[in-house]
């Protein structure tokens, strides 16, 4: 919290160390393929695959597997799952949460996919982006449907585990641009998240961490408006020093160490040292949490995430007087 407030932290926060990530019963019941396993169909009817060389799962979007085949009749294709789980389904999750020391960690449910991702999971990405122009009314209806689902989900989550933070995925861009213009984002996406994040904040959630491993600095004003506290996954293609200078105190950046640069088969400790120290020196000690851009505390290639965390400790020892990081 000292980092987010621009106070006097005694070291860098290392990646996800403050977050006790919790998978909800709905998330656990919504089938998701393991890495390298055959594709599976989830509760939304979306077929998901997880290639062995990929950072995460992806929808299968050939003609056979696209869910919404005609957007003008989208209701004929979509069956919205019920996110509300019976009380007994929460027993194991509640037990897990009770064992977390809330004085040391944020109890943080993991929610994915997000609003935009869910829309293109159902439509296919090109069809989705085209529909913003050709079928805006139907897109508003689809986003209203997804938002209603998320609000019902949020109610269940807050009821049973009373989270301190929320870790919510929704990728909004490529390495170099946002998927849609700021004006379209403001019209279609912002209202959804103002409702969703507003609900969590009004029910005791202190910190909203949103993952989008992408370019997105053109969307930062809307991130602040919707109630985001931390942008996790911000790539180095964003002008992170400028974002911190203009929005520090309103938004903290968590990322800046691109997985594409360090999370490679031929990774070396020297490479990780150079990239981690570059980020820490360039982005500073306030409103910045050094982290890889991947959307969980892991890496594609074994040892990369752990090596980055160790290098952050070394950066703390250099940049914070009296730091005992890593001791």
Protein backbone atom coordinates (compact mmCIF):
# COMPACT_ATOMS: atom_id res chain seq x y z
CA UNK A 1 0.00 0.00 0.00
CA UNK A 2 2.94 2.34 0.60
CA UNK A 3 3.92 1.90 -3.05
CA UNK A 4 0.38 2.67 -4.23
CA UNK A 5 0.09 5.72 -1.97
CA UNK A 6 3.44 7.15 -3.03
CA UNK A 7 4.70 6.79 0.52
CA UNK A 8 8.04 5.49 1.70
CA UNK A 9 8.21 1.76 0.96
CA UNK A 10 11.38 0.05 2.18
CA UNK A 11 11.71 -2.14 -0.92
CA UNK A 12 10.02 -3.07 -4.18
CA UNK A 13 6.94 -5.24 -4.00
CA UNK A 14 7.86 -8.35 -5.98
CA UNK A 15 5.26 -9.28 -8.56
CA UNK A 16 2.31 -11.07 -7.04
CA UNK A 17 3.75 -11.55 -3.55
CA UNK A 18 1.05 -9.46 -1.83
CA UNK A 19 -1.81 -11.38 -3.46
CA UNK A 20 -3.24 -14.63 -2.13
CA UNK A 21 -4.98 -15.68 -5.34
CA UNK A 22 -8.18 -17.65 -4.85
CA UNK A 23 -10.05 -19.70 -7.45
CA UNK A 24 -13.80 -19.58 -6.89
CA UNK A 25 -16.06 -22.65 -7.09
CA UNK A 26 -17.51 -21.38 -10.37
CA UNK A 27 -14.04 -20.98 -11.87
CA UNK A 28 -13.05 -24.46 -10.70
CA UNK A 29 -16.23 -25.97 -12.14
CA UNK A 30 -15.88 -24.20 -15.49
CA UNK A 31 -13.77 -26.70 -17.43
CA UNK A 32 -10.42 -25.41 -18.62
CA UNK A 33 -7.90 -27.59 -20.46
CA UNK A 34 -4.51 -28.22 -18.95
CA UNK A 35 -1.44 -27.27 -20.94
CA UNK A 36 -0.99 -29.53 -23.95
CA UNK A 37 -4.28 -31.39 -23.36
CA UNK A 38 -7.14 -31.69 -25.89
CA UNK A 39 -9.60 -28.76 -26.19
CA UNK A 40 -12.64 -28.62 -23.90
CA UNK A 41 -16.00 -26.82 -24.08
CA UNK A 42 -16.71 -24.50 -21.13
CA UNK A 43 -20.02 -23.47 -19.56
CA UNK A 44 -20.52 -20.71 -22.11
CA UNK A 45 -20.23 -23.22 -24.94
CA UNK A 46 -16.80 -21.86 -25.94
CA UNK A 47 -14.26 -24.49 -26.95
CA UNK A 48 -10.92 -23.73 -25.27
CA UNK A 49 -7.46 -25.06 -26.10
CA UNK A 50 -4.14 -24.60 -24.27
CA UNK A 51 -1.18 -25.27 -26.58
CA UNK A 52 1.97 -26.46 -24.84
CA UNK A 53 3.93 -23.43 -26.10
CA UNK A 54 1.31 -20.81 -25.19
CA UNK A 55 1.16 -18.53 -22.11
CA UNK A 56 -2.50 -19.36 -21.53
CA UNK A 57 -5.67 -20.93 -22.94
CA UNK A 58 -7.35 -19.64 -26.09
CA UNK A 59 -10.74 -20.15 -27.78
CA UNK A 60 -11.04 -22.34 -30.86
CA UNK A 61 -12.63 -20.28 -33.62
CA UNK A 62 -13.05 -22.29 -36.77
CA UNK A 63 -16.50 -22.16 -38.39
CA UNK A 64 -17.69 -25.18 -36.44
CA UNK A 65 -16.77 -23.85 -33.01
CA UNK A 66 -17.73 -20.15 -33.12
CA UNK A 67 -20.63 -19.80 -30.68
CA UNK A 68 -22.46 -16.76 -32.11
CA UNK A 69 -22.82 -17.52 -35.80
CA UNK A 70 -25.28 -14.67 -36.50
CA UNK A 71 -25.01 -11.62 -34.26
CA UNK A 72 -28.49 -10.37 -35.14
CA UNK A 73 -29.84 -13.53 -33.48
CA UNK A 74 -27.17 -13.88 -30.79
CA UNK A 75 -29.69 -14.93 -28.12
CA UNK A 76 -30.38 -18.09 -30.12
CA UNK A 77 -26.77 -19.17 -29.67
CA UNK A 78 -25.80 -18.10 -26.14
CA UNK A 79 -26.77 -19.91 -22.97
CA UNK A 80 -25.59 -17.83 -20.03
CA UNK A 81 -24.29 -20.04 -17.22
CA UNK A 82 -25.43 -19.45 -13.66
CA UNK A 83 -22.44 -18.18 -11.66
CA UNK A 84 -24.22 -18.62 -8.32
CA UNK A 85 -22.98 -21.78 -6.64
CA UNK A 86 -24.66 -23.67 -3.76
CA UNK A 87 -23.34 -22.90 -0.29
CA UNK A 88 -21.74 -26.32 0.09
CA UNK A 89 -19.67 -25.70 -3.06
CA UNK A 90 -17.91 -22.86 -1.25
CA UNK A 91 -16.75 -24.97 1.71
CA UNK A 92 -13.23 -25.73 0.42
CA UNK A 93 -12.70 -22.17 -0.82
CA UNK A 94 -13.82 -20.71 2.51
CA UNK A 95 -11.45 -23.08 4.31
CA UNK A 96 -8.60 -21.94 2.07
CA UNK A 97 -9.43 -18.28 2.70
CA UNK A 98 -9.62 -18.76 6.47
CA UNK A 99 -6.01 -19.95 6.43
CA UNK A 100 -4.79 -16.75 4.75
CA UNK A 101 -3.28 -14.09 7.02
CA UNK A 102 -5.11 -10.96 5.89
CA UNK A 103 -2.56 -8.82 7.72
CA UNK A 104 0.09 -10.05 5.28
CA UNK A 105 -1.84 -10.83 2.09
CA UNK A 106 -4.83 -9.62 0.12
CA UNK A 107 -7.47 -12.32 -0.30
CA UNK A 108 -7.81 -11.99 -4.07
CA UNK A 109 -10.28 -13.90 -6.26
CA UNK A 110 -9.07 -14.56 -9.80
CA UNK A 111 -11.69 -13.68 -12.44
CA UNK A 112 -11.25 -14.45 -16.14
CA UNK A 113 -12.10 -13.94 -18.93
CA UNK A 114 -13.17 -10.32 -18.73
CA UNK A 115 -15.97 -8.45 -20.44
CA UNK A 116 -14.25 -7.76 -23.76
CA UNK A 117 -12.59 -11.16 -23.86
CA UNK A 118 -15.90 -12.90 -23.20
CA UNK A 119 -17.47 -11.07 -26.13
CA UNK A 120 -14.78 -12.12 -28.60
CA UNK A 121 -14.68 -15.63 -27.13
CA UNK A 122 -18.32 -15.90 -28.19
CA UNK A 123 -18.07 -14.03 -31.49
CA UNK A 124 -14.45 -14.58 -32.69
CA UNK A 125 -12.12 -11.60 -32.57
CA UNK A 126 -12.51 -10.31 -36.15
CA UNK A 127 -16.28 -10.69 -36.05
CA UNK A 128 -16.33 -8.93 -32.69
CA UNK A 129 -14.26 -5.95 -33.82
CA UNK A 130 -16.31 -5.62 -37.00
CA UNK A 131 -19.57 -5.71 -35.04
CA UNK A 132 -18.68 -2.52 -33.15
CA UNK A 133 -19.26 -0.77 -36.49
CA UNK A 134 -21.94 -2.93 -38.11
CA UNK A 135 -24.06 -4.01 -35.12
CA UNK A 136 -23.56 -1.59 -32.23
CA UNK A 137 -27.03 -2.25 -30.78
CA UNK A 138 -26.39 -5.99 -30.56
CA UNK A 139 -22.96 -5.36 -29.05
CA UNK A 140 -24.53 -3.22 -26.33
CA UNK A 141 -26.97 -6.05 -25.64
CA UNK A 142 -24.16 -8.59 -25.43
CA UNK A 143 -22.19 -6.39 -23.03
CA UNK A 144 -25.28 -5.86 -20.89
CA UNK A 145 -25.67 -9.64 -20.71
CA UNK A 146 -22.02 -10.19 -19.73
CA UNK A 147 -22.18 -7.39 -17.14
CA UNK A 148 -25.27 -8.90 -15.54
CA UNK A 149 -23.45 -12.23 -15.33
CA UNK A 150 -20.41 -10.59 -13.72
CA UNK A 151 -22.53 -8.73 -11.18
CA UNK A 152 -24.25 -11.96 -10.11
CA UNK A 153 -20.83 -13.56 -9.85
CA UNK A 154 -19.50 -10.64 -7.79
CA UNK A 155 -22.42 -10.91 -5.38
CA UNK A 156 -21.63 -14.57 -4.71
CA UNK A 157 -17.90 -13.92 -4.31
CA UNK A 158 -18.37 -11.03 -1.88
CA UNK A 159 -20.95 -12.96 0.12
CA UNK A 160 -18.75 -15.95 0.82
CA UNK A 161 -15.12 -14.81 0.99
CA UNK A 162 -15.27 -11.02 1.52
CA UNK A 163 -12.22 -10.34 -0.66
CA UNK A 164 -9.66 -7.65 0.08
CA UNK A 165 -8.68 -7.32 -3.58
CA UNK A 166 -9.79 -8.50 -7.01
CA UNK A 167 -7.58 -9.78 -9.83
CA UNK A 168 -9.57 -9.43 -13.03
CA UNK A 169 -8.36 -10.33 -16.51
CA UNK A 170 -9.35 -8.60 -19.75
CA UNK A 171 -6.80 -8.00 -22.49
CA UNK A 172 -7.52 -4.73 -24.26
CA UNK A 173 -4.76 -4.47 -26.83
CA UNK A 174 -1.78 -5.77 -28.74
CA UNK A 175 1.82 -4.80 -28.02
CA UNK A 176 1.41 -1.54 -29.94
CA UNK A 177 -2.24 -0.47 -29.87
CA UNK A 178 -5.57 -0.96 -28.17
CA UNK A 179 -8.01 -3.26 -29.94
CA UNK A 180 -10.64 -0.52 -30.15
CA UNK A 181 -10.45 3.27 -30.10
CA UNK A 182 -10.73 5.18 -26.83
CA UNK A 183 -14.12 6.51 -27.96
CA UNK A 184 -15.45 3.00 -28.55
CA UNK A 185 -13.94 1.82 -25.27
CA UNK A 186 -15.72 4.65 -23.48
CA UNK A 187 -19.03 3.76 -25.10
CA UNK A 188 -19.00 -0.03 -24.84
CA UNK A 189 -16.52 -1.22 -22.18
CA UNK A 190 -16.25 1.55 -19.58
CA UNK A 191 -19.92 1.40 -18.46
CA UNK A 192 -19.62 -2.34 -17.81
CA UNK A 193 -16.60 -1.99 -15.57
CA UNK A 194 -17.94 1.02 -13.71
CA UNK A 195 -20.78 -1.25 -12.60
CA UNK A 196 -18.63 -4.32 -11.92
CA UNK A 197 -15.75 -2.64 -10.13
CA UNK A 198 -18.15 -0.28 -8.41
CA UNK A 199 -19.96 -3.29 -6.95
CA UNK A 200 -16.76 -4.84 -5.61
CA UNK A 201 -15.60 -1.53 -4.12
CA UNK A 202 -18.97 -0.97 -2.46
CA UNK A 203 -18.71 -4.42 -0.87
CA UNK A 204 -15.36 -4.01 0.85
CA UNK A 205 -12.78 -4.66 -1.87
CA UNK A 206 -9.87 -2.30 -1.26
CA UNK A 207 -7.83 -2.88 -4.39
CA UNK A 208 -8.80 -3.67 -7.99
CA UNK A 209 -5.93 -5.23 -9.97
CA UNK A 210 -6.70 -5.51 -13.67
CA UNK A 211 -4.62 -7.61 -16.06
CA UNK A 212 -4.11 -6.49 -19.63
CA UNK A 213 -0.70 -7.46 -21.01
CA UNK A 214 -0.70 -4.97 -23.80
CA UNK A 215 -0.38 -1.40 -24.91
CA UNK A 216 -3.09 0.64 -23.24
CA UNK A 217 -1.85 4.07 -22.23
CA UNK A 218 -4.56 5.63 -24.42
CA UNK A 219 -7.11 3.96 -22.12
CA UNK A 220 -5.58 5.00 -18.79
CA UNK A 221 -8.12 7.79 -18.07
CA UNK A 222 -10.88 5.18 -18.34
CA UNK A 223 -8.96 2.75 -16.14
CA UNK A 224 -8.98 5.39 -13.43
CA UNK A 225 -12.63 6.26 -14.03
CA UNK A 226 -13.78 2.63 -13.75
CA UNK A 227 -12.04 2.20 -10.41
CA UNK A 228 -8.87 0.29 -11.28
CA UNK A 229 -6.12 0.67 -8.70
CA UNK A 230 -3.40 -1.41 -10.36
CA UNK A 231 -2.78 -2.11 -14.04
CA UNK A 232 -1.02 -5.46 -14.14
CA UNK A 233 0.61 -6.45 -17.41
CA UNK A 234 1.51 -3.00 -18.69
CA UNK A 235 4.10 -3.64 -21.39
CA UNK A 236 7.24 -1.60 -21.91
CA UNK A 237 5.74 -0.36 -25.20
CA UNK A 238 3.68 2.01 -23.04
CA UNK A 239 5.27 5.22 -21.82
CA UNK A 240 5.25 3.99 -18.23
CA UNK A 241 7.24 6.91 -16.74
CA UNK A 242 4.72 9.33 -18.24
CA UNK A 243 1.75 7.31 -16.92
CA UNK A 244 3.28 7.22 -13.44
CA UNK A 245 4.01 10.95 -13.52
CA UNK A 246 0.49 11.87 -14.65
CA UNK A 247 -1.57 9.26 -12.79
CA UNK A 248 0.55 8.20 -9.82
CA UNK A 249 -1.70 8.18 -6.77
CA UNK A 250 -4.66 7.17 -8.93
CA UNK A 251 -3.15 4.16 -10.72
CA UNK A 252 -0.20 1.91 -9.93
CA UNK A 253 1.66 0.09 -12.71
CA UNK A 254 2.50 -3.60 -12.17
CA UNK A 255 4.55 -4.99 -15.03
CA UNK A 256 7.07 -3.38 -17.36
CA UNK A 257 9.12 -6.57 -17.71
CA UNK A 258 7.80 -8.07 -20.93
CA UNK A 259 7.53 -11.84 -21.00
CA UNK A 260 8.41 -11.72 -24.68
CA UNK A 261 11.85 -10.40 -23.71
CA UNK A 262 12.70 -12.60 -20.73
CA UNK A 263 10.43 -15.66 -20.86
CA UNK A 264 12.27 -17.46 -23.64
CA UNK A 265 13.69 -20.91 -24.16
CA UNK A 266 17.19 -19.39 -24.34
CA UNK A 267 16.79 -17.17 -21.27
CA UNK A 268 19.85 -16.35 -19.23
CA UNK A 269 20.34 -14.86 -15.78
CA UNK A 270 22.25 -11.97 -17.35
CA UNK A 271 19.32 -11.13 -19.64
CA UNK A 272 16.85 -11.19 -16.75
CA UNK A 273 19.17 -9.08 -14.60
CA UNK A 274 19.50 -6.44 -17.31
CA UNK A 275 15.78 -6.23 -18.10
CA UNK A 276 14.67 -6.24 -14.45
CA UNK A 277 17.15 -3.55 -13.43
CA UNK A 278 16.25 -1.49 -16.51
CA UNK A 279 12.60 -1.50 -15.46
CA UNK A 280 13.27 -0.74 -11.81
CA UNK A 281 15.63 2.13 -12.58
CA UNK A 282 13.49 3.58 -15.37
CA UNK A 283 10.11 3.42 -13.60
CA UNK A 284 11.17 4.27 -10.06
CA UNK A 285 10.11 3.31 -6.57
CA UNK A 286 6.64 4.86 -6.30
CA UNK A 287 3.41 3.75 -7.97
CA UNK A 288 5.33 0.91 -9.61
CA UNK A 289 5.42 -2.82 -8.85
CA UNK A 290 8.07 -4.61 -10.93
CA UNK A 291 6.60 -7.73 -12.46
CA UNK A 292 6.52 -9.76 -15.62
CA UNK A 293 3.53 -9.01 -17.82
CA UNK A 294 2.09 -12.53 -17.62
CA UNK A 295 -1.29 -12.78 -15.93
CA UNK A 296 -0.28 -15.04 -13.05
CA UNK A 297 2.82 -15.70 -10.92
CA UNK A 298 4.39 -18.10 -13.39
CA UNK A 299 6.29 -18.30 -16.66
CA UNK A 300 6.24 -20.38 -19.82
CA UNK A 301 9.80 -21.55 -19.27
CA UNK A 302 10.71 -22.97 -15.85
CA UNK A 303 12.69 -20.70 -13.56
CA UNK A 304 12.07 -17.39 -15.33
CA UNK A 305 9.52 -15.93 -12.91
CA UNK A 306 11.59 -16.96 -9.88
CA UNK A 307 14.74 -15.44 -11.40
CA UNK A 308 12.93 -12.15 -12.02
CA UNK A 309 11.78 -12.06 -8.39
CA UNK A 310 15.35 -12.63 -7.18
CA UNK A 311 16.60 -9.81 -9.39
CA UNK A 312 13.93 -7.50 -7.97
CA UNK A 313 15.37 -8.21 -4.52
CA UNK A 314 18.78 -7.17 -5.82
CA UNK A 315 17.29 -4.01 -7.30
CA UNK A 316 15.72 -3.21 -3.93
CA UNK A 317 19.09 -3.59 -2.23
CA UNK A 318 20.54 -1.07 -4.69
CA UNK A 319 17.68 1.45 -4.81
CA UNK A 320 16.34 1.48 -1.23
CA UNK A 321 18.67 2.52 1.55
CA UNK A 322 18.76 -0.06 4.30
CA UNK A 323 16.67 -2.57 2.32
CA UNK A 324 16.77 -6.13 3.62
CA UNK A 325 15.06 -7.53 0.54
CA UNK A 326 15.81 -11.17 0.01
CA UNK A 327 17.36 -11.50 3.48
